[in-house]
N, C-alpha and C. Protein backbone atom coordinates (compact mmCIF):
# COMPACT_ATOMS: atom_id res chain seq x y z
N MET A 1 64.90 41.85 107.38
CA MET A 1 64.50 40.69 106.58
C MET A 1 63.75 41.21 105.35
N CYS A 2 64.06 40.67 104.20
CA CYS A 2 63.33 41.08 103.01
C CYS A 2 61.91 40.53 103.05
N VAL A 3 61.03 41.18 102.34
CA VAL A 3 59.61 40.80 102.34
C VAL A 3 59.43 39.40 101.78
N MET A 4 60.19 39.06 100.74
CA MET A 4 60.05 37.74 100.12
C MET A 4 60.34 36.64 101.13
N SER A 5 61.37 36.80 101.92
CA SER A 5 61.72 35.80 102.93
C SER A 5 60.64 35.71 103.99
N MET A 6 60.09 36.85 104.40
CA MET A 6 59.04 36.87 105.41
C MET A 6 57.79 36.12 104.91
N VAL A 7 57.43 36.34 103.66
CA VAL A 7 56.26 35.66 103.09
C VAL A 7 56.49 34.15 103.09
N MET A 8 57.70 33.71 102.70
CA MET A 8 57.99 32.27 102.68
C MET A 8 57.99 31.68 104.08
N ASP A 9 58.46 32.45 105.08
CA ASP A 9 58.42 31.96 106.46
C ASP A 9 57.00 31.63 106.87
N ASP A 10 56.08 32.56 106.61
CA ASP A 10 54.69 32.35 107.00
C ASP A 10 54.11 31.14 106.29
N TRP A 11 54.36 31.03 105.00
CA TRP A 11 53.77 29.94 104.23
C TRP A 11 54.35 28.60 104.64
N GLN A 12 55.64 28.56 104.94
CA GLN A 12 56.31 27.31 105.32
C GLN A 12 55.69 26.71 106.56
N HIS A 13 55.23 27.53 107.49
CA HIS A 13 54.66 27.03 108.75
C HIS A 13 53.29 26.37 108.56
N ARG A 14 52.73 26.46 107.39
CA ARG A 14 51.45 25.80 107.12
C ARG A 14 51.62 24.30 106.90
N PHE A 15 52.86 23.86 106.76
CA PHE A 15 53.17 22.46 106.53
C PHE A 15 54.13 21.96 107.59
N PRO A 16 53.67 21.81 108.83
CA PRO A 16 54.59 21.45 109.91
C PRO A 16 55.22 20.08 109.78
N ASP A 17 54.62 19.17 109.05
CA ASP A 17 55.17 17.83 108.92
C ASP A 17 56.22 17.73 107.82
N LEU A 18 56.37 18.75 107.03
CA LEU A 18 57.33 18.74 105.94
C LEU A 18 58.52 19.59 106.34
N THR A 19 59.63 18.97 106.51
CA THR A 19 60.82 19.74 106.88
C THR A 19 61.71 19.89 105.67
N PRO A 20 62.37 21.04 105.55
CA PRO A 20 63.23 21.26 104.38
C PRO A 20 64.43 20.32 104.33
N ASN A 21 64.73 19.63 105.40
CA ASN A 21 65.90 18.77 105.44
C ASN A 21 65.61 17.35 104.94
N GLN A 22 64.38 17.05 104.59
CA GLN A 22 64.07 15.72 104.10
C GLN A 22 64.77 15.49 102.77
N ASN A 23 65.34 14.28 102.63
CA ASN A 23 66.03 13.97 101.38
C ASN A 23 65.05 13.72 100.24
N SER A 24 63.99 13.02 100.51
CA SER A 24 63.00 12.82 99.46
C SER A 24 61.62 13.15 100.04
N LEU A 25 60.94 13.99 99.33
CA LEU A 25 59.63 14.44 99.78
C LEU A 25 58.57 13.62 99.06
N LYS A 26 57.83 12.82 99.83
CA LYS A 26 56.77 12.01 99.26
C LYS A 26 55.46 12.52 99.82
N ILE A 27 54.62 13.02 98.94
CA ILE A 27 53.35 13.58 99.37
C ILE A 27 52.22 12.75 98.76
N THR A 28 51.39 12.21 99.61
CA THR A 28 50.21 11.52 99.14
C THR A 28 49.02 12.39 99.49
N LEU A 29 48.39 12.92 98.49
CA LEU A 29 47.30 13.86 98.70
C LEU A 29 46.05 13.40 97.97
N LEU A 30 44.95 13.63 98.59
CA LEU A 30 43.69 13.39 97.90
C LEU A 30 43.48 14.47 96.85
N GLU A 31 42.67 14.18 95.87
CA GLU A 31 42.46 15.11 94.77
C GLU A 31 42.03 16.49 95.27
N GLN A 32 41.16 16.54 96.26
CA GLN A 32 40.70 17.83 96.78
C GLN A 32 41.84 18.58 97.46
N GLU A 33 42.68 17.87 98.18
CA GLU A 33 43.82 18.51 98.83
C GLU A 33 44.77 19.10 97.80
N VAL A 34 44.99 18.39 96.71
CA VAL A 34 45.86 18.89 95.64
C VAL A 34 45.27 20.18 95.09
N LYS A 35 43.97 20.19 94.86
CA LYS A 35 43.32 21.39 94.32
C LYS A 35 43.49 22.57 95.26
N VAL A 36 43.26 22.36 96.55
CA VAL A 36 43.38 23.44 97.53
C VAL A 36 44.81 23.95 97.61
N ILE A 37 45.76 23.04 97.67
CA ILE A 37 47.16 23.44 97.76
C ILE A 37 47.59 24.15 96.47
N ARG A 38 47.14 23.65 95.34
CA ARG A 38 47.49 24.28 94.06
C ARG A 38 46.96 25.72 94.01
N GLU A 39 45.71 25.90 94.42
CA GLU A 39 45.12 27.24 94.43
C GLU A 39 45.89 28.16 95.38
N GLU A 40 46.27 27.65 96.53
CA GLU A 40 47.03 28.45 97.48
C GLU A 40 48.41 28.81 96.92
N LEU A 41 49.04 27.88 96.23
CA LEU A 41 50.34 28.15 95.63
C LEU A 41 50.25 29.18 94.51
N VAL A 42 49.16 29.18 93.76
CA VAL A 42 48.97 30.20 92.72
C VAL A 42 48.94 31.57 93.37
N GLU A 43 48.22 31.69 94.49
CA GLU A 43 48.17 32.97 95.21
C GLU A 43 49.52 33.31 95.84
N LEU A 44 50.22 32.30 96.37
CA LEU A 44 51.53 32.52 96.95
C LEU A 44 52.49 33.05 95.88
N LYS A 45 52.41 32.48 94.69
CA LYS A 45 53.29 32.92 93.60
C LYS A 45 53.06 34.39 93.29
N LYS A 46 51.80 34.81 93.23
CA LYS A 46 51.49 36.22 92.98
C LYS A 46 52.08 37.09 94.10
N LEU A 47 51.91 36.64 95.34
CA LEU A 47 52.41 37.39 96.49
C LEU A 47 53.94 37.48 96.46
N LEU A 48 54.60 36.37 96.16
CA LEU A 48 56.07 36.38 96.11
C LEU A 48 56.59 37.27 94.98
N LEU A 49 55.93 37.25 93.83
CA LEU A 49 56.35 38.13 92.73
C LEU A 49 56.18 39.60 93.13
N ALA A 50 55.09 39.92 93.82
CA ALA A 50 54.88 41.29 94.30
C ALA A 50 55.91 41.65 95.36
N ALA A 51 56.22 40.71 96.25
CA ALA A 51 57.22 40.95 97.29
C ALA A 51 58.59 41.18 96.68
N LYS A 52 58.92 40.40 95.65
CA LYS A 52 60.20 40.54 94.96
C LYS A 52 60.28 41.91 94.29
N ALA A 53 59.19 42.34 93.66
CA ALA A 53 59.16 43.66 93.02
C ALA A 53 59.35 44.76 94.08
N TYR A 54 58.72 44.60 95.23
CA TYR A 54 58.87 45.57 96.32
C TYR A 54 60.31 45.59 96.82
N ASP A 55 60.87 44.41 97.05
CA ASP A 55 62.26 44.32 97.51
C ASP A 55 63.20 45.00 96.51
N ASP A 56 62.99 44.74 95.22
CA ASP A 56 63.83 45.35 94.19
C ASP A 56 63.68 46.88 94.18
N ALA A 57 62.43 47.35 94.29
CA ALA A 57 62.15 48.79 94.24
C ALA A 57 62.70 49.53 95.45
N THR A 58 62.80 48.85 96.58
CA THR A 58 63.26 49.51 97.81
C THR A 58 64.70 49.15 98.17
N GLY A 59 65.37 48.44 97.26
CA GLY A 59 66.77 48.12 97.49
C GLY A 59 67.03 47.06 98.55
N GLN A 60 66.05 46.23 98.81
CA GLN A 60 66.23 45.15 99.78
C GLN A 60 67.14 44.08 99.17
N PRO A 61 68.06 43.56 99.94
CA PRO A 61 68.94 42.52 99.40
C PRO A 61 68.19 41.19 99.27
N ASP A 62 68.64 40.36 98.34
CA ASP A 62 68.10 39.00 98.27
C ASP A 62 68.52 38.28 99.54
N CYS A 63 67.54 37.69 100.23
CA CYS A 63 67.89 37.02 101.49
C CYS A 63 67.09 35.74 101.68
N GLU A 64 66.59 35.18 100.58
CA GLU A 64 65.82 33.95 100.68
C GLU A 64 66.73 32.85 101.21
N ILE A 65 66.18 32.03 102.09
CA ILE A 65 66.91 30.88 102.60
C ILE A 65 66.62 29.71 101.67
N GLN A 66 67.66 29.07 101.19
CA GLN A 66 67.52 28.03 100.16
C GLN A 66 66.59 26.91 100.59
N GLU A 67 66.57 26.55 101.86
CA GLU A 67 65.69 25.47 102.32
C GLU A 67 64.22 25.83 102.13
N LYS A 68 63.87 27.11 102.35
CA LYS A 68 62.49 27.55 102.13
C LYS A 68 62.15 27.51 100.65
N VAL A 69 63.08 27.98 99.83
CA VAL A 69 62.88 27.96 98.38
C VAL A 69 62.69 26.53 97.90
N ASP A 70 63.53 25.62 98.36
CA ASP A 70 63.46 24.21 97.95
C ASP A 70 62.13 23.58 98.35
N LEU A 71 61.66 23.88 99.55
CA LEU A 71 60.38 23.33 100.02
C LEU A 71 59.24 23.79 99.12
N ILE A 72 59.19 25.09 98.85
CA ILE A 72 58.11 25.61 98.00
C ILE A 72 58.20 25.00 96.61
N LYS A 73 59.40 24.89 96.05
CA LYS A 73 59.56 24.30 94.72
C LYS A 73 59.10 22.84 94.70
N ARG A 74 59.46 22.07 95.73
CA ARG A 74 59.07 20.65 95.76
C ARG A 74 57.56 20.49 95.86
N ILE A 75 56.92 21.28 96.70
CA ILE A 75 55.46 21.18 96.83
C ILE A 75 54.80 21.65 95.54
N ALA A 76 55.30 22.74 94.96
CA ALA A 76 54.74 23.23 93.70
C ALA A 76 54.86 22.17 92.60
N GLU A 77 56.02 21.55 92.52
CA GLU A 77 56.21 20.50 91.52
C GLU A 77 55.24 19.34 91.73
N ALA A 78 54.99 19.00 93.00
CA ALA A 78 54.08 17.89 93.31
C ALA A 78 52.65 18.16 92.85
N VAL A 79 52.27 19.44 92.75
CA VAL A 79 50.92 19.78 92.31
C VAL A 79 50.91 20.39 90.91
N GLY A 80 52.03 20.27 90.20
CA GLY A 80 52.08 20.66 88.79
C GLY A 80 52.29 22.14 88.52
N LEU A 81 52.97 22.84 89.42
CA LEU A 81 53.26 24.26 89.20
C LEU A 81 54.76 24.48 89.10
N ASP A 82 55.13 25.58 88.47
CA ASP A 82 56.53 25.93 88.28
C ASP A 82 56.78 27.29 88.93
N PHE A 83 57.78 27.37 89.78
CA PHE A 83 58.13 28.61 90.46
C PHE A 83 59.47 29.17 89.98
N GLU A 84 59.97 28.68 88.84
CA GLU A 84 61.27 29.12 88.36
C GLU A 84 61.29 30.62 88.08
N ASP A 85 60.17 31.20 87.65
CA ASP A 85 60.15 32.63 87.39
C ASP A 85 60.20 33.44 88.69
N VAL A 86 59.84 32.84 89.80
CA VAL A 86 59.91 33.51 91.09
C VAL A 86 61.33 33.44 91.64
N PHE A 87 61.94 32.27 91.54
CA PHE A 87 63.25 32.04 92.13
C PHE A 87 64.34 31.92 91.06
N ARG A 88 64.25 32.72 90.04
CA ARG A 88 65.22 32.65 88.95
C ARG A 88 66.60 33.10 89.43
N SER A 89 67.62 32.49 88.87
CA SER A 89 69.00 32.89 89.18
C SER A 89 69.30 34.15 88.42
N GLU A 90 69.98 35.03 89.06
CA GLU A 90 70.31 36.30 88.41
C GLU A 90 71.78 36.31 88.09
């Protein structure tokens, strides 16, 4: 398993009520919750970029599961962050 996928697996389990198969993700968060999640996503983004660099340097294949990518993107969008530079199409 590539490091990037492993990092997303761990992070995904922090949101047990949000499944990647939901058609529409509606999140109602208090202002403090948004701040905490946003801060965590900023750190996750740094970790994923480092994991991607490691995977590239060690010849690991891209193996991200689209459902995990979609979940992270939807939550990031809900708190005003962009992960396109992490999950860019090559």
